[in-house]
Amino acid sequence: MRMEKERYIPRIKELRTQKGIMASWIADKIGVSSAAMSKWEKGTSYPTYPYLIRLSRVLGVTIEELYEEQKNDHP
């Protein structure tokens, strides 16, 4: 039997570059370090809910749009 796992992939960098916005500008605007932004964009760490709200407002998207659902099948 195969089980399906869901994983959410950050789209922060994709959305940011589509809008032509620098990561450092967003980091400054929402009050985090550039290193934190980099980790969020790579998916090595994730923003807390208050930062998700700030990110979504700055990027002009919903919180759901910040992440892409990716389904993987694992045996």
PDB file of N, CA and C in Angstrom:
ATOM      1  N   MET A   1       0.833  -1.177   0.000  1.00  0.00           N
ATOM      2  CA  MET A   1       0.000   0.000   0.000  1.00  0.00           C
ATOM      3  C   MET A   1       0.882   1.246   0.000  1.00  0.00           C
ATOM      4  N   ARG A   2       0.522   2.207  -0.824  1.00  0.00           N
ATOM      5  CA  ARG A   2       1.296   3.445  -0.913  1.00  0.00           C
ATOM      6  C   ARG A   2       0.585   4.544  -0.150  1.00  0.00           C
ATOM      7  N   MET A   3       1.362   5.296   0.606  1.00  0.00           N
ATOM      8  CA  MET A   3       0.802   6.422   1.355  1.00  0.00           C
ATOM      9  C   MET A   3       1.211   7.711   0.661  1.00  0.00           C
ATOM     10  N   GLU A   4       0.325   8.655   0.701  1.00  0.00           N
ATOM     11  CA  GLU A   4       0.595   9.937   0.070  1.00  0.00           C
ATOM     12  C   GLU A   4       1.002  10.948   1.133  1.00  0.00           C
ATOM     13  N   LYS A   5       2.120  11.595   0.912  1.00  0.00           N
ATOM     14  CA  LYS A   5       2.582  12.649   1.823  1.00  0.00           C
ATOM     15  C   LYS A   5       2.462  13.976   1.118  1.00  0.00           C
ATOM     16  N   GLU A   6       2.090  14.992   1.879  1.00  0.00           N
ATOM     17  CA  GLU A   6       2.012  16.327   1.318  1.00  0.00           C
ATOM     18  C   GLU A   6       3.134  17.169   1.896  1.00  0.00           C
ATOM     19  N   ARG A   7       3.672  17.998   1.058  1.00  0.00           N
ATOM     20  CA  ARG A   7       4.733  18.893   1.475  1.00  0.00           C
ATOM     21  C   ARG A   7       4.455  20.246   0.848  1.00  0.00           C
ATOM     22  N   TYR A   8       4.732  21.281   1.573  1.00  0.00           N
ATOM     23  CA  TYR A   8       4.477  22.616   1.064  1.00  0.00           C
ATOM     24  C   TYR A   8       5.798  23.292   0.740  1.00  0.00           C
ATOM     25  N   ILE A   9       5.900  23.742  -0.484  1.00  0.00           N
ATOM     26  CA  ILE A   9       7.120  24.350  -0.999  1.00  0.00           C
ATOM     27  C   ILE A   9       6.953  25.869  -0.986  1.00  0.00           C
ATOM     28  N   PRO A  10       7.905  26.577  -0.377  1.00  0.00           N
ATOM     29  CA  PRO A  10       7.770  28.033  -0.370  1.00  0.00           C
ATOM     30  C   PRO A  10       7.877  28.629  -1.775  1.00  0.00           C
ATOM     31  N   ARG A  11       6.990  29.574  -2.068  1.00  0.00           N
ATOM     32  CA  ARG A  11       7.013  30.278  -3.353  1.00  0.00           C
ATOM     33  C   ARG A  11       7.444  31.725  -3.150  1.00  0.00           C
ATOM     34  N   ILE A  12       8.012  32.030  -2.004  1.00  0.00           N
ATOM     35  CA  ILE A  12       8.354  33.404  -1.662  1.00  0.00           C
ATOM     36  C   ILE A  12       9.289  34.008  -2.704  1.00  0.00           C
ATOM     37  N   LYS A  13      10.353  33.289  -3.037  1.00  0.00           N
ATOM     38  CA  LYS A  13      11.321  33.819  -4.005  1.00  0.00           C
ATOM     39  C   LYS A  13      10.688  33.995  -5.383  1.00  0.00           C
ATOM     40  N   GLU A  14       9.924  33.013  -5.802  1.00  0.00           N
ATOM     41  CA  GLU A  14       9.245  33.082  -7.097  1.00  0.00           C
ATOM     42  C   GLU A  14       8.342  34.309  -7.182  1.00  0.00           C
ATOM     43  N   LEU A  15       7.519  34.512  -6.159  1.00  0.00           N
ATOM     44  CA  LEU A  15       6.603  35.647  -6.145  1.00  0.00           C
ATOM     45  C   LEU A  15       7.355  36.972  -6.064  1.00  0.00           C
ATOM     46  N   ARG A  16       8.400  36.985  -5.259  1.00  0.00           N
ATOM     47  CA  ARG A  16       9.203  38.209  -5.086  1.00  0.00           C
ATOM     48  C   ARG A  16       9.878  38.606  -6.391  1.00  0.00           C
ATOM     49  N   THR A  17      10.479  37.643  -7.073  1.00  0.00           N
ATOM     50  CA  THR A  17      11.181  37.968  -8.315  1.00  0.00           C
ATOM     51  C   THR A  17      10.209  38.343  -9.436  1.00  0.00           C
ATOM     52  N   GLN A  18       9.023  37.726  -9.448  1.00  0.00           N
ATOM     53  CA  GLN A  18       8.002  38.101 -10.426  1.00  0.00           C
ATOM     54  C   GLN A  18       7.630  39.577 -10.295  1.00  0.00           C
ATOM     55  N   LYS A  19       7.652  40.064  -9.068  1.00  0.00           N
ATOM     56  CA  LYS A  19       7.279  41.450  -8.805  1.00  0.00           C
ATOM     57  C   LYS A  19       8.474  42.400  -8.845  1.00  0.00           C
ATOM     58  N   GLY A  20       9.677  41.838  -9.040  1.00  0.00           N
ATOM     59  CA  GLY A  20      10.877  42.660  -9.135  1.00  0.00           C
ATOM     60  C   GLY A  20      11.278  43.309  -7.820  1.00  0.00           C
ATOM     61  N   ILE A  21      11.048  42.601  -6.720  1.00  0.00           N
ATOM     62  CA  ILE A  21      11.347  43.140  -5.386  1.00  0.00           C
ATOM     63  C   ILE A  21      12.585  42.456  -4.828  1.00  0.00           C
ATOM     64  N   MET A  22      13.482  43.211  -4.241  1.00  0.00           N
ATOM     65  CA  MET A  22      14.688  42.665  -3.606  1.00  0.00           C
ATOM     66  C   MET A  22      14.337  42.025  -2.271  1.00  0.00           C
ATOM     67  N   ALA A  23      14.976  40.894  -1.967  1.00  0.00           N
ATOM     68  CA  ALA A  23      14.749  40.205  -0.700  1.00  0.00           C
ATOM     69  C   ALA A  23      15.108  41.098   0.480  1.00  0.00           C
ATOM     70  N   SER A  24      16.170  41.864   0.350  1.00  0.00           N
ATOM     71  CA  SER A  24      16.599  42.735   1.446  1.00  0.00           C
ATOM     72  C   SER A  24      15.558  43.824   1.739  1.00  0.00           C
ATOM     73  N   TRP A  25      14.862  44.290   0.705  1.00  0.00           N
ATOM     74  CA  TRP A  25      13.816  45.300   0.898  1.00  0.00           C
ATOM     75  C   TRP A  25      12.653  44.706   1.680  1.00  0.00           C
ATOM     76  N   ILE A  26      12.242  43.477   1.300  1.00  0.00           N
ATOM     77  CA  ILE A  26      11.153  42.819   2.023  1.00  0.00           C
ATOM     78  C   ILE A  26      11.559  42.560   3.464  1.00  0.00           C
ATOM     79  N   ALA A  27      12.778  42.051   3.658  1.00  0.00           N
ATOM     80  CA  ALA A  27      13.265  41.769   5.012  1.00  0.00           C
ATOM     81  C   ALA A  27      13.189  43.017   5.879  1.00  0.00           C
ATOM     82  N   ASP A  28      13.637  44.134   5.347  1.00  0.00           N
ATOM     83  CA  ASP A  28      13.598  45.393   6.082  1.00  0.00           C
ATOM     84  C   ASP A  28      12.156  45.829   6.352  1.00  0.00           C
ATOM     85  N   LYS A  29      11.315  45.685   5.356  1.00  0.00           N
ATOM     86  CA  LYS A  29       9.920  46.112   5.452  1.00  0.00           C
ATOM     87  C   LYS A  29       9.146  45.321   6.513  1.00  0.00           C
ATOM     88  N   ILE A  30       9.428  44.022   6.628  1.00  0.00           N
ATOM     89  CA  ILE A  30       8.673  43.206   7.592  1.00  0.00           C
ATOM     90  C   ILE A  30       9.415  42.991   8.912  1.00  0.00           C
ATOM     91  N   GLY A  31      10.654  43.480   9.000  1.00  0.00           N
ATOM     92  CA  GLY A  31      11.384  43.438  10.259  1.00  0.00           C
ATOM     93  C   GLY A  31      12.133  42.158  10.567  1.00  0.00           C
ATOM     94  N   VAL A  32      12.726  41.542   9.531  1.00  0.00           N
ATOM     95  CA  VAL A  32      13.554  40.351   9.750  1.00  0.00           C
ATOM     96  C   VAL A  32      14.908  40.551   9.078  1.00  0.00           C
ATOM     97  N   SER A  33      15.837  39.675   9.351  1.00  0.00           N
ATOM     98  CA  SER A  33      17.152  39.755   8.723  1.00  0.00           C
ATOM     99  C   SER A  33      17.094  39.189   7.306  1.00  0.00           C
ATOM    100  N   SER A  34      18.064  39.569   6.501  1.00  0.00           N
ATOM    101  CA  SER A  34      18.178  39.009   5.152  1.00  0.00           C
ATOM    102  C   SER A  34      18.441  37.511   5.215  1.00  0.00           C
ATOM    103  N   ALA A  35      19.147  37.076   6.256  1.00  0.00           N
ATOM    104  CA  ALA A  35      19.424  35.651   6.432  1.00  0.00           C
ATOM    105  C   ALA A  35      18.124  34.872   6.662  1.00  0.00           C
ATOM    106  N   ALA A  36      17.221  35.443   7.450  1.00  0.00           N
ATOM    107  CA  ALA A  36      15.928  34.791   7.691  1.00  0.00           C
ATOM    108  C   ALA A  36      15.148  34.671   6.393  1.00  0.00           C
ATOM    109  N   MET A  37      15.143  35.742   5.594  1.00  0.00           N
ATOM    110  CA  MET A  37      14.452  35.709   4.297  1.00  0.00           C
ATOM    111  C   MET A  37      15.026  34.614   3.410  1.00  0.00           C
ATOM    112  N   SER A  38      16.341  34.515   3.392  1.00  0.00           N
ATOM    113  CA  SER A  38      17.010  33.500   2.579  1.00  0.00           C
ATOM    114  C   SER A  38      16.582  32.094   2.998  1.00  0.00           C
ATOM    115  N   LYS A  39      16.532  31.849   4.295  1.00  0.00           N
ATOM    116  CA  LYS A  39      16.113  30.534   4.805  1.00  0.00           C
ATOM    117  C   LYS A  39      14.663  30.237   4.437  1.00  0.00           C
ATOM    118  N   TRP A  40      13.809  31.240   4.522  1.00  0.00           N
ATOM    119  CA  TRP A  40      12.404  31.050   4.150  1.00  0.00           C
ATOM    120  C   TRP A  40      12.279  30.722   2.675  1.00  0.00           C
ATOM    121  N   GLU A  41      13.046  31.422   1.850  1.00  0.00           N
ATOM    122  CA  GLU A  41      12.974  31.188   0.411  1.00  0.00           C
ATOM    123  C   GLU A  41      13.494  29.807   0.034  1.00  0.00           C
ATOM    124  N   LYS A  42      14.464  29.313   0.764  1.00  0.00           N
ATOM    125  CA  LYS A  42      15.030  27.979   0.497  1.00  0.00           C
ATOM    126  C   LYS A  42      14.217  26.866   1.139  1.00  0.00           C
ATOM    127  N   GLY A  43      13.355  27.220   2.091  1.00  0.00           N
ATOM    128  CA  GLY A  43      12.561  26.211   2.781  1.00  0.00           C
ATOM    129  C   GLY A  43      13.308  25.522   3.903  1.00  0.00           C
ATOM    130  N   THR A  44      14.422  26.118   4.362  1.00  0.00           N
ATOM    131  CA  THR A  44      15.168  25.511   5.468  1.00  0.00           C
ATOM    132  C   THR A  44      14.619  25.941   6.822  1.00  0.00           C
ATOM    133  N   SER A  45      13.832  27.009   6.827  1.00  0.00           N
ATOM    134  CA  SER A  45      13.045  27.404   7.993  1.00  0.00           C
ATOM    135  C   SER A  45      11.809  28.114   7.467  1.00  0.00           C
ATOM    136  N   TYR A  46      10.861  28.332   8.349  1.00  0.00           N
ATOM    137  CA  TYR A  46       9.584  28.878   7.911  1.00  0.00           C
ATOM    138  C   TYR A  46       9.176  30.048   8.776  1.00  0.00           C
ATOM    139  N   PRO A  47       8.530  31.052   8.171  1.00  0.00           N
ATOM    140  CA  PRO A  47       8.088  32.205   8.952  1.00  0.00           C
ATOM    141  C   PRO A  47       6.932  31.843   9.874  1.00  0.00           C
ATOM    142  N   THR A  48       6.873  32.520  11.008  1.00  0.00           N
ATOM    143  CA  THR A  48       5.737  32.345  11.908  1.00  0.00           C
ATOM    144  C   THR A  48       4.526  33.059  11.310  1.00  0.00           C
ATOM    145  N   TYR A  49       3.363  32.796  11.860  1.00  0.00           N
ATOM    146  CA  TYR A  49       2.132  33.347  11.313  1.00  0.00           C
ATOM    147  C   TYR A  49       2.154  34.872  11.158  1.00  0.00           C
ATOM    148  N   PRO A  50       2.613  35.621  12.166  1.00  0.00           N
ATOM    149  CA  PRO A  50       2.640  37.079  11.979  1.00  0.00           C
ATOM    150  C   PRO A  50       3.488  37.514  10.770  1.00  0.00           C
ATOM    151  N   TYR A  51       4.596  36.806  10.516  1.00  0.00           N
ATOM    152  CA  TYR A  51       5.429  37.143   9.366  1.00  0.00           C
ATOM    153  C   TYR A  51       4.791  36.692   8.058  1.00  0.00           C
ATOM    154  N   LEU A  52       4.021  35.601   8.097  1.00  0.00           N
ATOM    155  CA  LEU A  52       3.287  35.191   6.903  1.00  0.00           C
ATOM    156  C   LEU A  52       2.289  36.268   6.494  1.00  0.00           C
ATOM    157  N   ILE A  53       1.636  36.852   7.477  1.00  0.00           N
ATOM    158  CA  ILE A  53       0.687  37.935   7.195  1.00  0.00           C
ATOM    159  C   ILE A  53       1.419  39.112   6.564  1.00  0.00           C
ATOM    160  N   ARG A  54       2.541  39.495   7.146  1.00  0.00           N
ATOM    161  CA  ARG A  54       3.321  40.621   6.608  1.00  0.00           C
ATOM    162  C   ARG A  54       3.817  40.335   5.195  1.00  0.00           C
ATOM    163  N   LEU A  55       4.339  39.117   4.991  1.00  0.00           N
ATOM    164  CA  LEU A  55       4.816  38.733   3.663  1.00  0.00           C
ATOM    165  C   LEU A  55       3.695  38.800   2.631  1.00  0.00           C
ATOM    166  N   SER A  56       2.550  38.262   2.986  1.00  0.00           N
ATOM    167  CA  SER A  56       1.436  38.241   2.034  1.00  0.00           C
ATOM    168  C   SER A  56       0.998  39.655   1.677  1.00  0.00           C
ATOM    169  N   ARG A  57       1.010  40.546   2.652  1.00  0.00           N
ATOM    170  CA  ARG A  57       0.628  41.935   2.379  1.00  0.00           C
ATOM    171  C   ARG A  57       1.645  42.632   1.481  1.00  0.00           C
ATOM    172  N   VAL A  58       2.929  42.439   1.775  1.00  0.00           N
ATOM    173  CA  VAL A  58       3.979  43.080   0.990  1.00  0.00           C
ATOM    174  C   VAL A  58       3.977  42.559  -0.453  1.00  0.00           C
ATOM    175  N   LEU A  59       3.735  41.256  -0.612  1.00  0.00           N
ATOM    176  CA  LEU A  59       3.754  40.657  -1.942  1.00  0.00           C
ATOM    177  C   LEU A  59       2.403  40.757  -2.657  1.00  0.00           C
ATOM    178  N   GLY A  60       1.371  41.153  -1.939  1.00  0.00           N
ATOM    179  CA  GLY A  60       0.056  41.298  -2.542  1.00  0.00           C
ATOM    180  C   GLY A  60      -0.599  39.984  -2.922  1.00  0.00           C
ATOM    181  N   VAL A  61      -0.372  38.954  -2.084  1.00  0.00           N
ATOM    182  CA  VAL A  61      -0.949  37.626  -2.321  1.00  0.00           C
ATOM    183  C   VAL A  61      -1.576  37.119  -1.026  1.00  0.00           C
ATOM    184  N   THR A  62      -2.313  36.027  -1.125  1.00  0.00           N
ATOM    185  CA  THR A  62      -2.855  35.398   0.082  1.00  0.00           C
ATOM    186  C   THR A  62      -1.763  34.540   0.727  1.00  0.00           C
ATOM    187  N   ILE A  63      -1.972  34.187   1.968  1.00  0.00           N
ATOM    188  CA  ILE A  63      -1.018  33.312   2.655  1.00  0.00           C
ATOM    189  C   ILE A  63      -0.921  31.973   1.920  1.00  0.00           C
ATOM    190  N   GLU A  64      -2.043  31.469   1.448  1.00  0.00           N
ATOM    191  CA  GLU A  64      -2.047  30.194   0.722  1.00  0.00           C
ATOM    192  C   GLU A  64      -1.171  30.257  -0.523  1.00  0.00           C
ATOM    193  N   GLU A  65      -1.135  31.411  -1.166  1.00  0.00           N
ATOM    194  CA  GLU A  65      -0.341  31.559  -2.385  1.00  0.00           C
ATOM    195  C   GLU A  65       1.165  31.588  -2.116  1.00  0.00           C
ATOM    196  N   LEU A  66       1.559  31.790  -0.868  1.00  0.00           N
ATOM    197  CA  LEU A  66       2.989  31.804  -0.530  1.00  0.00           C
ATOM    198  C   LEU A  66       3.612  30.416  -0.610  1.00  0.00           C
ATOM    199  N   TYR A  67       2.783  29.390  -0.549  1.00  0.00           N
ATOM    200  CA  TYR A  67       3.269  28.009  -0.577  1.00  0.00           C
ATOM    201  C   TYR A  67       2.550  27.213  -1.633  1.00  0.00           C
ATOM    202  N   GLU A  68       3.292  26.367  -2.302  1.00  0.00           N
ATOM    203  CA  GLU A  68       2.735  25.483  -3.319  1.00  0.00           C
ATOM    204  C   GLU A  68       2.654  24.088  -2.732  1.00  0.00           C
ATOM    205  N   GLU A  69       1.505  23.469  -2.874  1.00  0.00           N
ATOM    206  CA  GLU A  69       1.347  22.109  -2.374  1.00  0.00           C
ATOM    207  C   GLU A  69       1.970  21.137  -3.360  1.00  0.00           C
ATOM    208  N   GLN A  70       2.816  20.270  -2.840  1.00  0.00           N
ATOM    209  CA  GLN A  70       3.447  19.263  -3.681  1.00  0.00           C
ATOM    210  C   GLN A  70       3.172  17.918  -3.047  1.00  0.00           C
ATOM    211  N   LYS A  71       2.606  17.022  -3.817  1.00  0.00           N
ATOM    212  CA  LYS A  71       2.293  15.688  -3.296  1.00  0.00           C
ATOM    213  C   LYS A  71       3.333  14.705  -3.785  1.00  0.00           C
ATOM    214  N   ASN A  72       3.813  13.899  -2.871  1.00  0.00           N
ATOM    215  CA  ASN A  72       4.790  12.857  -3.194  1.00  0.00           C
ATOM    216  C   ASN A  72       4.250  11.524  -2.745  1.00  0.00           C
ATOM    217  N   ASP A  73       4.423  10.523  -3.556  1.00  0.00           N
ATOM    218  CA  ASP A  73       4.038   9.165  -3.174  1.00  0.00           C
ATOM    219  C   ASP A  73       5.262   8.449  -2.631  1.00  0.00           C
ATOM    220  N   HIS A  74       5.107   7.844  -1.481  1.00  0.00           N
ATOM    221  CA  HIS A  74       6.183   7.062  -0.870  1.00  0.00           C
ATOM    222  C   HIS A  74       5.664   5.665  -0.575  1.00  0.00           C
ATOM    223  N   PRO A  75       6.473   4.646  -0.825  1.00  0.00           N
ATOM    224  CA  PRO A  75       6.025   3.266  -0.533  1.00  0.00           C
ATOM    225  C   PRO A  75       5.867   3.048   0.951  1.00  0.00           C
TER     226      PRO A  75
END
